[in-house]
Every structure is written in structure tokens, then in C-alpha cells.
Amino acid sequence: YAELERDVLSFALGNDCLLLRLLDDF
């Protein structure tokens, strides 16, 4: 799912976002 974050959710990894994940809970 870390690869999913990098490839699909890259827009949510900026300085104005915090993406938390506990296993499959985003």
C-alpha cells in the first residue's frame, strides 16, 4: 500500500496534507 500511495495518491503527499495509514485504514 506504500506503493499505492506513491503511484495513485501522490497528490495527497504534499506539505498541506497528512496521509495516515494503519495497514488498510487510510
PDB file of all heavy atoms in Angstrom:
ATOM      1  N   TYR A   1       0.817  -1.211   0.000  1.00  0.00           N
ATOM      2  CA  TYR A   1       0.000   0.000   0.000  1.00  0.00           C
ATOM      3  C   TYR A   1       0.856   1.269   0.000  1.00  0.00           C
ATOM      4  O   TYR A   1       0.370   2.340  -0.382  1.00  0.00           O
ATOM      5  CB  TYR A   1      -0.968  -0.015   1.174  1.00  0.00           C
ATOM      6  CG  TYR A   1      -2.119  -0.981   0.977  1.00  0.00           C
ATOM      7  CD1 TYR A   1      -2.726  -1.616   2.046  1.00  0.00           C
ATOM      8  CD2 TYR A   1      -2.592  -1.266  -0.297  1.00  0.00           C
ATOM      9  CE1 TYR A   1      -3.770  -2.507   1.856  1.00  0.00           C
ATOM     10  CE2 TYR A   1      -3.634  -2.150  -0.496  1.00  0.00           C
ATOM     11  CZ  TYR A   1      -4.223  -2.773   0.587  1.00  0.00           C
ATOM     12  OH  TYR A   1      -5.257  -3.651   0.380  1.00  0.00           O
ATOM     13  N   ALA A   2       2.109   1.156   0.432  1.00  0.00           N
ATOM     14  CA  ALA A   2       3.015   2.295   0.302  1.00  0.00           C
ATOM     15  C   ALA A   2       3.262   2.612  -1.173  1.00  0.00           C
ATOM     16  O   ALA A   2       3.370   3.776  -1.566  1.00  0.00           O
ATOM     17  CB  ALA A   2       4.338   2.009   1.012  1.00  0.00           C
ATOM     18  N   GLU A   3       3.336   1.558  -2.000  1.00  0.00           N
ATOM     19  CA  GLU A   3       3.469   1.771  -3.449  1.00  0.00           C
ATOM     20  C   GLU A   3       2.197   2.390  -4.015  1.00  0.00           C
ATOM     21  O   GLU A   3       2.250   3.256  -4.903  1.00  0.00           O
ATOM     22  CB  GLU A   3       3.758   0.441  -4.146  1.00  0.00           C
ATOM     23  CG  GLU A   3       4.002   0.586  -5.639  1.00  0.00           C
ATOM     24  CD  GLU A   3       4.329  -0.724  -6.316  1.00  0.00           C
ATOM     25  OE1 GLU A   3       3.390  -1.488  -6.622  1.00  0.00           O
ATOM     26  OE2 GLU A   3       5.520  -0.994  -6.539  1.00  0.00           O
ATOM     27  N   LEU A   4       1.042   1.972  -3.504  1.00  0.00           N
ATOM     28  CA  LEU A   4      -0.226   2.583  -3.925  1.00  0.00           C
ATOM     29  C   LEU A   4      -0.232   4.073  -3.597  1.00  0.00           C
ATOM     30  O   LEU A   4      -0.652   4.899  -4.429  1.00  0.00           O
ATOM     31  CB  LEU A   4      -1.389   1.880  -3.217  1.00  0.00           C
ATOM     32  CG  LEU A   4      -2.760   2.553  -3.318  1.00  0.00           C
ATOM     33  CD1 LEU A   4      -3.316   2.406  -4.723  1.00  0.00           C
ATOM     34  CD2 LEU A   4      -3.736   1.968  -2.302  1.00  0.00           C
ATOM     35  N   GLU A   5       0.224   4.447  -2.426  1.00  0.00           N
ATOM     36  CA  GLU A   5       0.282   5.856  -2.044  1.00  0.00           C
ATOM     37  C   GLU A   5       1.164   6.641  -3.009  1.00  0.00           C
ATOM     38  O   GLU A   5       0.808   7.745  -3.439  1.00  0.00           O
ATOM     39  CB  GLU A   5       0.823   5.989  -0.615  1.00  0.00           C
ATOM     40  CG  GLU A   5      -0.103   5.441   0.452  1.00  0.00           C
ATOM     41  CD  GLU A   5       0.540   5.483   1.826  1.00  0.00           C
ATOM     42  OE1 GLU A   5       1.684   5.979   1.943  1.00  0.00           O
ATOM     43  OE2 GLU A   5      -0.100   5.018   2.797  1.00  0.00           O
ATOM     44  N   ARG A   6       2.308   6.065  -3.348  1.00  0.00           N
ATOM     45  CA  ARG A   6       3.251   6.759  -4.238  1.00  0.00           C
ATOM     46  C   ARG A   6       2.698   6.907  -5.648  1.00  0.00           C
ATOM     47  O   ARG A   6       2.815   7.971  -6.263  1.00  0.00           O
ATOM     48  CB  ARG A   6       4.563   5.986  -4.272  1.00  0.00           C
ATOM     49  CG  ARG A   6       5.666   6.640  -5.108  1.00  0.00           C
ATOM     50  CD  ARG A   6       6.779   5.662  -5.360  1.00  0.00           C
ATOM     51  NE  ARG A   6       6.323   4.548  -6.205  1.00  0.00           N
ATOM     52  CZ  ARG A   6       6.996   3.412  -6.349  1.00  0.00           C
ATOM     53  NH1 ARG A   6       8.105   3.211  -5.697  1.00  0.00           N
ATOM     54  NH2 ARG A   6       6.518   2.458  -7.144  1.00  0.00           N
ATOM     55  N   ASP A   7       2.046   5.857  -6.171  1.00  0.00           N
ATOM     56  CA  ASP A   7       1.625   5.855  -7.566  1.00  0.00           C
ATOM     57  C   ASP A   7       0.244   6.466  -7.794  1.00  0.00           C
ATOM     58  O   ASP A   7      -0.006   7.052  -8.845  1.00  0.00           O
ATOM     59  CB  ASP A   7       1.633   4.424  -8.114  1.00  0.00           C
ATOM     60  CG  ASP A   7       3.031   3.828  -8.180  1.00  0.00           C
ATOM     61  OD1 ASP A   7       4.003   4.605  -8.080  1.00  0.00           O
ATOM     62  OD2 ASP A   7       3.143   2.597  -8.312  1.00  0.00           O
ATOM     63  N   VAL A   8      -0.660   6.319  -6.827  1.00  0.00           N
ATOM     64  CA  VAL A   8      -2.049   6.748  -7.025  1.00  0.00           C
ATOM     65  C   VAL A   8      -2.399   7.981  -6.190  1.00  0.00           C
ATOM     66  O   VAL A   8      -3.199   8.818  -6.635  1.00  0.00           O
ATOM     67  CB  VAL A   8      -3.019   5.589  -6.679  1.00  0.00           C
ATOM     68  CG1 VAL A   8      -4.471   6.022  -6.832  1.00  0.00           C
ATOM     69  CG2 VAL A   8      -2.724   4.372  -7.548  1.00  0.00           C
ATOM     70  N   LEU A   9      -1.810   8.108  -5.016  1.00  0.00           N
ATOM     71  CA  LEU A   9      -2.190   9.179  -4.084  1.00  0.00           C
ATOM     72  C   LEU A   9      -1.083  10.209  -3.899  1.00  0.00           C
ATOM     73  O   LEU A   9      -0.996  10.849  -2.849  1.00  0.00           O
ATOM     74  CB  LEU A   9      -2.566   8.574  -2.717  1.00  0.00           C
ATOM     75  CG  LEU A   9      -3.690   7.536  -2.729  1.00  0.00           C
ATOM     76  CD1 LEU A   9      -3.871   6.939  -1.345  1.00  0.00           C
ATOM     77  CD2 LEU A   9      -5.003   8.175  -3.212  1.00  0.00           C
ATOM     78  N   SER A  10      -0.256  10.401  -4.897  1.00  0.00           N
ATOM     79  CA  SER A  10       0.868  11.336  -4.764  1.00  0.00           C
ATOM     80  C   SER A  10       0.395  12.760  -4.501  1.00  0.00           C
ATOM     81  O   SER A  10       1.106  13.549  -3.856  1.00  0.00           O
ATOM     82  CB  SER A  10       1.737  11.302  -6.019  1.00  0.00           C
ATOM     83  OG  SER A  10       0.967  11.615  -7.179  1.00  0.00           O
ATOM     84  N   PHE A  11      -0.803  13.119  -4.968  1.00  0.00           N
ATOM     85  CA  PHE A  11      -1.339  14.461  -4.729  1.00  0.00           C
ATOM     86  C   PHE A  11      -1.606  14.716  -3.251  1.00  0.00           C
ATOM     87  O   PHE A  11      -1.717  15.873  -2.820  1.00  0.00           O
ATOM     88  CB  PHE A  11      -2.641  14.650  -5.519  1.00  0.00           C
ATOM     89  CG  PHE A  11      -3.759  13.747  -5.078  1.00  0.00           C
ATOM     90  CD1 PHE A  11      -4.635  14.115  -4.075  1.00  0.00           C
ATOM     91  CD2 PHE A  11      -3.934  12.493  -5.665  1.00  0.00           C
ATOM     92  CE1 PHE A  11      -5.662  13.283  -3.665  1.00  0.00           C
ATOM     93  CE2 PHE A  11      -4.953  11.646  -5.266  1.00  0.00           C
ATOM     94  CZ  PHE A  11      -5.817  12.037  -4.251  1.00  0.00           C
ATOM     95  N   ALA A  12      -1.724  13.643  -2.458  1.00  0.00           N
ATOM     96  CA  ALA A  12      -2.025  13.769  -1.026  1.00  0.00           C
ATOM     97  C   ALA A  12      -0.776  13.684  -0.162  1.00  0.00           C
ATOM     98  O   ALA A  12      -0.864  13.474   1.048  1.00  0.00           O
ATOM     99  CB  ALA A  12      -3.017  12.687  -0.607  1.00  0.00           C
ATOM    100  N   LEU A  13       0.390  13.834  -0.762  1.00  0.00           N
ATOM    101  CA  LEU A  13       1.646  13.731  -0.016  1.00  0.00           C
ATOM    102  C   LEU A  13       2.366  15.066   0.081  1.00  0.00           C
ATOM    103  O   LEU A  13       3.552  15.115   0.420  1.00  0.00           O
ATOM    104  CB  LEU A  13       2.562  12.690  -0.689  1.00  0.00           C
ATOM    105  CG  LEU A  13       1.989  11.279  -0.826  1.00  0.00           C
ATOM    106  CD1 LEU A  13       2.977  10.375  -1.544  1.00  0.00           C
ATOM    107  CD2 LEU A  13       1.636  10.700   0.540  1.00  0.00           C
ATOM    108  N   GLY A  14       1.668  16.179  -0.220  1.00  0.00           N
ATOM    109  CA  GLY A  14       2.284  17.491  -0.165  1.00  0.00           C
ATOM    110  C   GLY A  14       2.343  18.051   1.241  1.00  0.00           C
ATOM    111  O   GLY A  14       1.893  17.435   2.218  1.00  0.00           O
ATOM    112  N   ASN A  15       2.868  19.278   1.363  1.00  0.00           N
ATOM    113  CA  ASN A  15       3.048  19.903   2.674  1.00  0.00           C
ATOM    114  C   ASN A  15       1.731  20.285   3.337  1.00  0.00           C
ATOM    115  O   ASN A  15       1.689  20.479   4.560  1.00  0.00           O
ATOM    116  CB  ASN A  15       3.927  21.149   2.541  1.00  0.00           C
ATOM    117  CG  ASN A  15       5.361  20.816   2.164  1.00  0.00           C
ATOM    118  OD1 ASN A  15       5.854  19.732   2.480  1.00  0.00           O
ATOM    119  ND2 ASN A  15       6.020  21.731   1.476  1.00  0.00           N
ATOM    120  N   ASP A  16       0.667  20.423   2.538  1.00  0.00           N
ATOM    121  CA  ASP A  16      -0.626  20.790   3.115  1.00  0.00           C
ATOM    122  C   ASP A  16      -1.483  19.573   3.423  1.00  0.00           C
ATOM    123  O   ASP A  16      -2.675  19.705   3.723  1.00  0.00           O
ATOM    124  CB  ASP A  16      -1.381  21.731   2.174  1.00  0.00           C
ATOM    125  CG  ASP A  16      -1.630  21.102   0.802  1.00  0.00           C
ATOM    126  OD1 ASP A  16      -1.035  20.041   0.516  1.00  0.00           O
ATOM    127  OD2 ASP A  16      -2.416  21.668   0.014  1.00  0.00           O
ATOM    128  N   CYS A  17      -0.898  18.379   3.349  1.00  0.00           N
ATOM    129  CA  CYS A  17      -1.627  17.129   3.599  1.00  0.00           C
ATOM    130  C   CYS A  17      -0.859  16.243   4.572  1.00  0.00           C
ATOM    131  O   CYS A  17       0.376  16.250   4.608  1.00  0.00           O
ATOM    132  CB  CYS A  17      -1.839  16.347   2.303  1.00  0.00           C
ATOM    133  SG  CYS A  17      -2.866  17.171   1.063  1.00  0.00           S
ATOM    134  N   LEU A  18      -1.604  15.465   5.337  1.00  0.00           N
ATOM    135  CA  LEU A  18      -1.034  14.393   6.150  1.00  0.00           C
ATOM    136  C   LEU A  18      -1.839  13.136   5.854  1.00  0.00           C
ATOM    137  O   LEU A  18      -3.037  13.068   6.162  1.00  0.00           O
ATOM    138  CB  LEU A  18      -1.102  14.725   7.640  1.00  0.00           C
ATOM    139  CG  LEU A  18      -0.669  13.591   8.579  1.00  0.00           C
ATOM    140  CD1 LEU A  18       0.801  13.229   8.356  1.00  0.00           C
ATOM    141  CD2 LEU A  18      -0.910  13.960  10.038  1.00  0.00           C
ATOM    142  N   LEU A  19      -1.192  12.140   5.256  1.00  0.00           N
ATOM    143  CA  LEU A  19      -1.846  10.876   4.940  1.00  0.00           C
ATOM    144  C   LEU A  19      -1.412   9.840   5.958  1.00  0.00           C
ATOM    145  O   LEU A  19      -0.247   9.451   6.012  1.00  0.00           O
ATOM    146  CB  LEU A  19      -1.485  10.416   3.529  1.00  0.00           C
ATOM    147  CG  LEU A  19      -2.148   9.123   3.038  1.00  0.00           C
ATOM    148  CD1 LEU A  19      -3.670   9.250   3.066  1.00  0.00           C
ATOM    149  CD2 LEU A  19      -1.666   8.763   1.632  1.00  0.00           C
ATOM    150  N   LEU A  20      -2.352   9.419   6.797  1.00  0.00           N
ATOM    151  CA  LEU A  20      -2.104   8.388   7.802  1.00  0.00           C
ATOM    152  C   LEU A  20      -2.628   7.056   7.288  1.00  0.00           C
ATOM    153  O   LEU A  20      -3.629   7.006   6.570  1.00  0.00           O
ATOM    154  CB  LEU A  20      -2.804   8.738   9.123  1.00  0.00           C
ATOM    155  CG  LEU A  20      -2.417  10.047   9.806  1.00  0.00           C
ATOM    156  CD1 LEU A  20      -3.356  10.323  10.976  1.00  0.00           C
ATOM    157  CD2 LEU A  20      -0.976  10.005  10.292  1.00  0.00           C
ATOM    158  N   ARG A  21      -1.945   5.988   7.680  1.00  0.00           N
ATOM    159  CA  ARG A  21      -2.435   4.662   7.304  1.00  0.00           C
ATOM    160  C   ARG A  21      -1.995   3.655   8.351  1.00  0.00           C
ATOM    161  O   ARG A  21      -0.820   3.571   8.702  1.00  0.00           O
ATOM    162  CB  ARG A  21      -1.910   4.227   5.934  1.00  0.00           C
ATOM    163  CG  ARG A  21      -2.368   2.828   5.536  1.00  0.00           C
ATOM    164  CD  ARG A  21      -1.982   2.507   4.102  1.00  0.00           C
ATOM    165  NE  ARG A  21      -0.557   2.688   3.867  1.00  0.00           N
ATOM    166  CZ  ARG A  21       0.374   1.776   4.164  1.00  0.00           C
ATOM    167  NH1 ARG A  21       0.018   0.640   4.728  1.00  0.00           N
ATOM    168  NH2 ARG A  21       1.643   2.011   3.906  1.00  0.00           N
ATOM    169  N   LEU A  22      -2.961   2.906   8.858  1.00  0.00           N
ATOM    170  CA  LEU A  22      -2.683   1.777   9.745  1.00  0.00           C
ATOM    171  C   LEU A  22      -3.130   0.526   8.996  1.00  0.00           C
ATOM    172  O   LEU A  22      -4.321   0.222   8.934  1.00  0.00           O
ATOM    173  CB  LEU A  22      -3.408   1.916  11.074  1.00  0.00           C
ATOM    174  CG  LEU A  22      -3.161   0.813  12.101  1.00  0.00           C
ATOM    175  CD1 LEU A  22      -1.675   0.730  12.448  1.00  0.00           C
ATOM    176  CD2 LEU A  22      -3.992   1.027  13.355  1.00  0.00           C
ATOM    177  N   LEU A  23      -2.163  -0.130   8.352  1.00  0.00           N
ATOM    178  CA  LEU A  23      -2.427  -1.276   7.493  1.00  0.00           C
ATOM    179  C   LEU A  23      -3.345  -0.865   6.335  1.00  0.00           C
ATOM    180  O   LEU A  23      -2.888  -0.233   5.394  1.00  0.00           O
ATOM    181  CB  LEU A  23      -3.009  -2.449   8.299  1.00  0.00           C
ATOM    182  CG  LEU A  23      -2.849  -3.844   7.688  1.00  0.00           C
ATOM    183  CD1 LEU A  23      -1.375  -4.143   7.436  1.00  0.00           C
ATOM    184  CD2 LEU A  23      -3.470  -4.892   8.559  1.00  0.00           C
ATOM    185  N   ASP A  24      -4.645  -1.166   6.416  1.00  0.00           N
ATOM    186  CA  ASP A  24      -5.552  -0.824   5.307  1.00  0.00           C
ATOM    187  C   ASP A  24      -6.505   0.307   5.654  1.00  0.00           C
ATOM    188  O   ASP A  24      -7.434   0.598   4.902  1.00  0.00           O
ATOM    189  CB  ASP A  24      -6.350  -2.055   4.878  1.00  0.00           C
ATOM    190  CG  ASP A  24      -7.222  -2.598   6.009  1.00  0.00           C
ATOM    191  OD1 ASP A  24      -6.912  -2.313   7.179  1.00  0.00           O
ATOM    192  OD2 ASP A  24      -8.189  -3.313   5.727  1.00  0.00           O
ATOM    193  N   ASP A  25      -6.307   0.954   6.801  1.00  0.00           N
ATOM    194  CA  ASP A  25      -7.146   2.079   7.217  1.00  0.00           C
ATOM    195  C   ASP A  25      -6.452   3.389   6.863  1.00  0.00           C
ATOM    196  O   ASP A  25      -5.433   3.740   7.464  1.00  0.00           O
ATOM    197  CB  ASP A  25      -7.437   2.023   8.721  1.00  0.00           C
ATOM    198  CG  ASP A  25      -8.352   0.872   9.083  1.00  0.00           C
ATOM    199  OD1 ASP A  25      -9.378   0.709   8.406  1.00  0.00           O
ATOM    200  OD2 ASP A  25      -8.049   0.141  10.038  1.00  0.00           O
ATOM    201  N   PHE A  26      -7.011   4.113   5.885  1.00  0.00           N
ATOM    202  CA  PHE A  26      -6.426   5.366   5.417  1.00  0.00           C
ATOM    203  C   PHE A  26      -7.151   6.548   6.039  1.00  0.00           C
ATOM    204  O   PHE A  26      -8.378   6.527   6.211  1.00  0.00           O
ATOM    205  CB  PHE A  26      -6.556   5.484   3.892  1.00  0.00           C
ATOM    206  CG  PHE A  26      -5.701   4.521   3.107  1.00  0.00           C
ATOM    207  CD1 PHE A  26      -6.072   3.190   2.955  1.00  0.00           C
ATOM    208  CD2 PHE A  26      -4.526   4.950   2.499  1.00  0.00           C
ATOM    209  CE1 PHE A  26      -5.303   2.305   2.212  1.00  0.00           C
ATOM    210  CE2 PHE A  26      -3.748   4.071   1.751  1.00  0.00           C
ATOM    211  CZ  PHE A  26      -4.136   2.752   1.618  1.00  0.00           C
TER     212      PHE A  26
END
